Amino acid sequence: MSVGVKNQCQTPLSPKIERLIQELLRKVPQEHLAGLETIVLVDQVTHKRSRRQGVRGLYWPASQKRPATIELAPSLIYHGMPKFLLHMPFFAKFALANILYHEIGHHYHHRFAHGVTEEKSQSFADNYQHQMLKKAFFWWLLIVLPLWRVVRRFRGKRRQLGKRGKSVRLA
């Protein structure tokens, strides 16, 4: 089963966004997408309460009138990001993945756990998002984590030397 992507934005979008969504969806197990028909790209999410809060994505559970749908607002997802980062595929994909995987988490949770509180639903979606980001960006984590450990160790050494009263030059 394939999840469709519909562009209903009034503002022009890069055609790469639809391709990025399809790439990110390939990382999700198919059983997690069961019942999800469409991902709709919009300028603003359609839920009145969500517009005031600047929500970047929204999950609509299936009802008698419509199938399950996720709405994403790309202009809000990328709002505030420096333009040069948007031209780097990793950053554009990662920003989109954060919102998309969170909303898929809501869908997956809704299909299997009925009658849960909003707080538990948010917590589940957050955990799902983190697990999917680890899966989708595994190779990046392999590169970034060792470098991050070196940076943290270096910072720790600087702090230790600073506490002893020695000056540290980083040149």
C-alpha atoms as a PDB file:
ATOM      1  CA  MET A   1       0.000   0.000   0.000  1.00  0.00           C
ATOM      2  CA  SER A   2       1.332   3.400  -0.938  1.00  0.00           C
ATOM      3  CA  VAL A   3       0.598   6.651   0.838  1.00  0.00           C
ATOM      4  CA  GLY A   4      -0.160   9.469  -1.578  1.00  0.00           C
ATOM      5  CA  VAL A   5       1.180  13.008  -1.316  1.00  0.00           C
ATOM      6  CA  LYS A   6      -1.070  15.902  -2.382  1.00  0.00           C
ATOM      7  CA  ASN A   7       0.175  19.447  -2.712  1.00  0.00           C
ATOM      8  CA  GLN A   8      -2.536  21.935  -1.756  1.00  0.00           C
ATOM      9  CA  CYS A   9      -0.198  24.825  -0.944  1.00  0.00           C
ATOM     10  CA  GLN A  10      -0.903  28.201  -2.501  1.00  0.00           C
ATOM     11  CA  THR A  11       2.745  29.192  -2.123  1.00  0.00           C
ATOM     12  CA  PRO A  12       5.156  27.525  -4.546  1.00  0.00           C
ATOM     13  CA  LEU A  13       7.047  24.564  -3.105  1.00  0.00           C
ATOM     14  CA  SER A  14      10.129  22.793  -4.257  1.00  0.00           C
ATOM     15  CA  PRO A  15       9.251  19.557  -6.070  1.00  0.00           C
ATOM     16  CA  LYS A  16      11.931  17.951  -3.907  1.00  0.00           C
ATOM     17  CA  ILE A  17       9.612  18.003  -0.884  1.00  0.00           C
ATOM     18  CA  GLU A  18       7.312  15.330  -2.301  1.00  0.00           C
ATOM     19  CA  ARG A  19      10.337  13.189  -3.171  1.00  0.00           C
ATOM     20  CA  LEU A  20      11.767  13.670   0.343  1.00  0.00           C
ATOM     21  CA  ILE A  21       8.470  12.579   1.894  1.00  0.00           C
ATOM     22  CA  GLN A  22       8.423   9.423  -0.240  1.00  0.00           C
ATOM     23  CA  GLU A  23      12.030   8.661   0.770  1.00  0.00           C
ATOM     24  CA  LEU A  24      11.178   9.109   4.449  1.00  0.00           C
ATOM     25  CA  LEU A  25       8.069   6.936   4.128  1.00  0.00           C
ATOM     26  CA  ARG A  26      10.177   4.068   2.755  1.00  0.00           C
ATOM     27  CA  LYS A  27      11.907   3.882   6.150  1.00  0.00           C
ATOM     28  CA  VAL A  28       8.588   3.322   7.972  1.00  0.00           C
ATOM     29  CA  PRO A  29       7.340  -0.273   8.353  1.00  0.00           C
ATOM     30  CA  GLN A  30       4.302  -0.779   6.103  1.00  0.00           C
ATOM     31  CA  GLU A  31       2.120  -1.996   8.974  1.00  0.00           C
ATOM     32  CA  HIS A  32       2.611   1.407  10.658  1.00  0.00           C
ATOM     33  CA  LEU A  33       1.180   3.112   7.576  1.00  0.00           C
ATOM     34  CA  ALA A  34      -1.853   0.822   7.241  1.00  0.00           C
ATOM     35  CA  GLY A  35      -4.996   2.920   6.964  1.00  0.00           C
ATOM     36  CA  LEU A  36      -3.115   6.141   6.198  1.00  0.00           C
ATOM     37  CA  GLU A  37      -4.196   7.286   2.769  1.00  0.00           C
ATOM     38  CA  THR A  38      -2.712  10.722   2.156  1.00  0.00           C
ATOM     39  CA  ILE A  39      -0.185  13.269   3.277  1.00  0.00           C
ATOM     40  CA  VAL A  40      -1.472  16.695   2.327  1.00  0.00           C
ATOM     41  CA  LEU A  41       0.891  19.653   1.994  1.00  0.00           C
ATOM     42  CA  VAL A  42      -0.859  22.849   3.099  1.00  0.00           C
ATOM     43  CA  ASP A  43       0.032  26.446   3.889  1.00  0.00           C
ATOM     44  CA  GLN A  44      -1.542  26.114   7.343  1.00  0.00           C
ATOM     45  CA  VAL A  45      -3.087  23.115   9.059  1.00  0.00           C
ATOM     46  CA  THR A  46      -6.874  23.188   8.918  1.00  0.00           C
ATOM     47  CA  HIS A  47      -7.692  22.657  12.584  1.00  0.00           C
ATOM     48  CA  LYS A  48      -8.777  26.023  14.026  1.00  0.00           C
ATOM     49  CA  ARG A  49      -7.075  25.502  17.396  1.00  0.00           C
ATOM     50  CA  SER A  50      -3.809  24.511  15.715  1.00  0.00           C
ATOM     51  CA  ARG A  51      -3.570  27.634  13.507  1.00  0.00           C
ATOM     52  CA  ARG A  52      -3.106  29.916  16.507  1.00  0.00           C
ATOM     53  CA  GLN A  53      -0.214  27.824  17.753  1.00  0.00           C
ATOM     54  CA  GLY A  54       1.702  27.688  14.455  1.00  0.00           C
ATOM     55  CA  VAL A  55       1.448  23.897  14.271  1.00  0.00           C
ATOM     56  CA  ARG A  56       3.590  22.416  11.508  1.00  0.00           C
ATOM     57  CA  GLY A  57       1.780  19.093  11.178  1.00  0.00           C
ATOM     58  CA  LEU A  58      -1.507  17.500  12.141  1.00  0.00           C
ATOM     59  CA  TYR A  59      -2.904  13.978  12.137  1.00  0.00           C
ATOM     60  CA  TRP A  60      -6.551  13.466  11.207  1.00  0.00           C
ATOM     61  CA  PRO A  61      -7.796  10.005  12.262  1.00  0.00           C
ATOM     62  CA  ALA A  62     -10.064   8.112   9.903  1.00  0.00           C
ATOM     63  CA  SER A  63     -13.771   8.864  10.206  1.00  0.00           C
ATOM     64  CA  GLN A  64     -16.888   7.863   8.318  1.00  0.00           C
ATOM     65  CA  LYS A  65     -16.404  10.892   6.068  1.00  0.00           C
ATOM     66  CA  ARG A  66     -12.702  10.573   5.258  1.00  0.00           C
ATOM     67  CA  PRO A  67      -9.689   8.257   5.556  1.00  0.00           C
ATOM     68  CA  ALA A  68      -6.763   8.941   7.898  1.00  0.00           C
ATOM     69  CA  THR A  69      -4.701  11.900   6.718  1.00  0.00           C
ATOM     70  CA  ILE A  70      -1.628  13.820   7.778  1.00  0.00           C
ATOM     71  CA  GLU A  71      -1.330  17.514   7.022  1.00  0.00           C
ATOM     72  CA  LEU A  72       2.120  19.098   6.798  1.00  0.00           C
ATOM     73  CA  ALA A  73       2.815  22.828   6.479  1.00  0.00           C
ATOM     74  CA  PRO A  74       6.263  23.009   4.805  1.00  0.00           C
ATOM     75  CA  SER A  75       6.428  26.801   5.021  1.00  0.00           C
ATOM     76  CA  LEU A  76       6.142  26.511   8.814  1.00  0.00           C
ATOM     77  CA  ILE A  77       8.486  23.511   9.019  1.00  0.00           C
ATOM     78  CA  TYR A  78      11.262  25.453   7.297  1.00  0.00           C
ATOM     79  CA  HIS A  79      10.372  28.835   8.812  1.00  0.00           C
ATOM     80  CA  GLY A  80      13.379  30.451  10.464  1.00  0.00           C
ATOM     81  CA  MET A  81      15.948  28.087   8.936  1.00  0.00           C
ATOM     82  CA  PRO A  82      18.818  29.839   7.159  1.00  0.00           C
ATOM     83  CA  LYS A  83      18.312  29.572   3.403  1.00  0.00           C
ATOM     84  CA  PHE A  84      21.686  27.941   2.802  1.00  0.00           C
ATOM     85  CA  LEU A  85      20.661  25.003   5.031  1.00  0.00           C
ATOM     86  CA  LEU A  86      17.619  24.356   2.870  1.00  0.00           C
ATOM     87  CA  HIS A  87      19.927  23.716  -0.089  1.00  0.00           C
ATOM     88  CA  MET A  88      21.721  21.014   1.891  1.00  0.00           C
ATOM     89  CA  PRO A  89      19.669  17.814   1.477  1.00  0.00           C
ATOM     90  CA  PHE A  90      20.413  16.447   4.944  1.00  0.00           C
ATOM     91  CA  PHE A  91      19.017  19.463   6.815  1.00  0.00           C
ATOM     92  CA  ALA A  92      15.917  19.788   4.643  1.00  0.00           C
ATOM     93  CA  LYS A  93      15.205  16.079   4.998  1.00  0.00           C
ATOM     94  CA  PHE A  94      15.870  16.045   8.754  1.00  0.00           C
ATOM     95  CA  ALA A  95      13.547  19.006   9.445  1.00  0.00           C
ATOM     96  CA  LEU A  96      10.778  17.357   7.436  1.00  0.00           C
ATOM     97  CA  ALA A  97      11.376  13.959   9.076  1.00  0.00           C
ATOM     98  CA  ASN A  98      10.941  15.416  12.562  1.00  0.00           C
ATOM     99  CA  ILE A  99       7.370  16.479  11.871  1.00  0.00           C
ATOM    100  CA  LEU A 100       6.398  13.629   9.553  1.00  0.00           C
ATOM    101  CA  TYR A 101       7.528  10.872  11.923  1.00  0.00           C
ATOM    102  CA  HIS A 102       5.793  12.543  14.863  1.00  0.00           C
ATOM    103  CA  GLU A 103       2.484  12.587  12.966  1.00  0.00           C
ATOM    104  CA  ILE A 104       2.942   8.974  11.802  1.00  0.00           C
ATOM    105  CA  GLY A 105       3.473   8.154  15.485  1.00  0.00           C
ATOM    106  CA  HIS A 106       0.035   9.618  16.210  1.00  0.00           C
ATOM    107  CA  HIS A 107      -1.459   7.515  13.411  1.00  0.00           C
ATOM    108  CA  TYR A 108       0.182   4.302  14.598  1.00  0.00           C
ATOM    109  CA  HIS A 109      -0.814   4.951  18.206  1.00  0.00           C
ATOM    110  CA  HIS A 110      -4.394   5.821  17.272  1.00  0.00           C
ATOM    111  CA  ARG A 111      -4.826   2.586  15.317  1.00  0.00           C
ATOM    112  CA  PHE A 112      -3.780   0.379  18.224  1.00  0.00           C
ATOM    113  CA  ALA A 113      -4.585   2.294  21.430  1.00  0.00           C
ATOM    114  CA  HIS A 114      -8.047   3.777  21.717  1.00  0.00           C
ATOM    115  CA  GLY A 115      -9.229   6.029  24.520  1.00  0.00           C
ATOM    116  CA  VAL A 116      -5.815   7.346  25.602  1.00  0.00           C
ATOM    117  CA  THR A 117      -5.165  10.790  26.998  1.00  0.00           C
ATOM    118  CA  GLU A 118      -3.702  13.555  24.853  1.00  0.00           C
ATOM    119  CA  GLU A 119      -0.584  13.567  27.048  1.00  0.00           C
ATOM    120  CA  LYS A 120       0.069   9.860  26.475  1.00  0.00           C
ATOM    121  CA  SER A 121      -0.579  10.272  22.769  1.00  0.00           C
ATOM    122  CA  GLN A 122       1.990  13.089  22.555  1.00  0.00           C
ATOM    123  CA  SER A 123       4.501  11.064  24.546  1.00  0.00           C
ATOM    124  CA  PHE A 124       4.049   8.043  22.268  1.00  0.00           C
ATOM    125  CA  ALA A 125       4.376  10.203  19.136  1.00  0.00           C
ATOM    126  CA  ASP A 126       7.558  11.807  20.516  1.00  0.00           C
ATOM    127  CA  ASN A 127       9.092   8.393  21.260  1.00  0.00           C
ATOM    128  CA  TYR A 128       8.084   7.088  17.838  1.00  0.00           C
ATOM    129  CA  GLN A 129       9.645  10.150  16.217  1.00  0.00           C
ATOM    130  CA  HIS A 130      12.960   9.590  18.018  1.00  0.00           C
ATOM    131  CA  GLN A 131      13.060   5.896  17.091  1.00  0.00           C
ATOM    132  CA  MET A 132      12.336   6.606  13.424  1.00  0.00           C
ATOM    133  CA  LEU A 133      14.933   9.389  13.285  1.00  0.00           C
ATOM    134  CA  LYS A 134      17.528   6.940  14.608  1.00  0.00           C
ATOM    135  CA  LYS A 135      16.504   4.442  11.935  1.00  0.00           C
ATOM    136  CA  ALA A 136      16.309   6.900   9.032  1.00  0.00           C
ATOM    137  CA  PHE A 137      19.511   8.766   9.849  1.00  0.00           C
ATOM    138  CA  PHE A 138      21.565   5.829  11.133  1.00  0.00           C
ATOM    139  CA  TRP A 139      24.641   6.537   8.993  1.00  0.00           C
ATOM    140  CA  TRP A 140      24.684  10.178  10.024  1.00  0.00           C
ATOM    141  CA  LEU A 141      24.572   9.135  13.663  1.00  0.00           C
ATOM    142  CA  LEU A 142      27.562   6.866  13.090  1.00  0.00           C
ATOM    143  CA  ILE A 143      29.512   9.859  11.791  1.00  0.00           C
ATOM    144  CA  VAL A 144      28.238  12.573  14.108  1.00  0.00           C
ATOM    145  CA  LEU A 145      28.251  10.728  17.457  1.00  0.00           C
ATOM    146  CA  PRO A 146      31.989   9.946  17.544  1.00  0.00           C
ATOM    147  CA  LEU A 147      32.752  13.542  16.587  1.00  0.00           C
ATOM    148  CA  TRP A 148      30.360  14.791  19.255  1.00  0.00           C
ATOM    149  CA  ARG A 149      32.112  12.638  21.878  1.00  0.00           C
ATOM    150  CA  VAL A 150      35.464  14.180  20.915  1.00  0.00           C
ATOM    151  CA  VAL A 151      33.970  17.674  21.201  1.00  0.00           C
ATOM    152  CA  ARG A 152      32.466  16.875  24.600  1.00  0.00           C
ATOM    153  CA  ARG A 153      35.743  15.406  25.861  1.00  0.00           C
ATOM    154  CA  PHE A 154      37.610  18.465  24.615  1.00  0.00           C
ATOM    155  CA  ARG A 155      35.133  20.763  26.382  1.00  0.00           C
ATOM    156  CA  GLY A 156      35.523  18.747  29.584  1.00  0.00           C
ATOM    157  CA  LYS A 157      39.322  19.099  29.471  1.00  0.00           C
ATOM    158  CA  ARG A 158      38.989  22.857  28.964  1.00  0.00           C
ATOM    159  CA  ARG A 159      36.681  23.132  31.971  1.00  0.00           C
ATOM    160  CA  GLN A 160      39.017  21.090  34.165  1.00  0.00           C
ATOM    161  CA  LEU A 161      41.994  23.240  33.211  1.00  0.00           C
ATOM    162  CA  GLY A 162      39.931  26.393  33.708  1.00  0.00           C
ATOM    163  CA  LYS A 163      38.958  25.316  37.240  1.00  0.00           C
ATOM    164  CA  ARG A 164      42.621  24.861  38.156  1.00  0.00           C
ATOM    165  CA  GLY A 165      43.297  28.474  37.261  1.00  0.00           C
ATOM    166  CA  LYS A 166      45.332  27.733  34.144  1.00  0.00           C
ATOM    167  CA  SER A 167      44.534  29.617  31.030  1.00  0.00           C
ATOM    168  CA  VAL A 168      43.754  27.645  27.934  1.00  0.00           C
ATOM    169  CA  ARG A 169      44.501  28.829  24.424  1.00  0.00           C
ATOM    170  CA  LEU A 170      42.705  27.337  21.492  1.00  0.00           C
ATOM    171  CA  ALA A 171      44.671  28.485  18.511  1.00  0.00           C
END
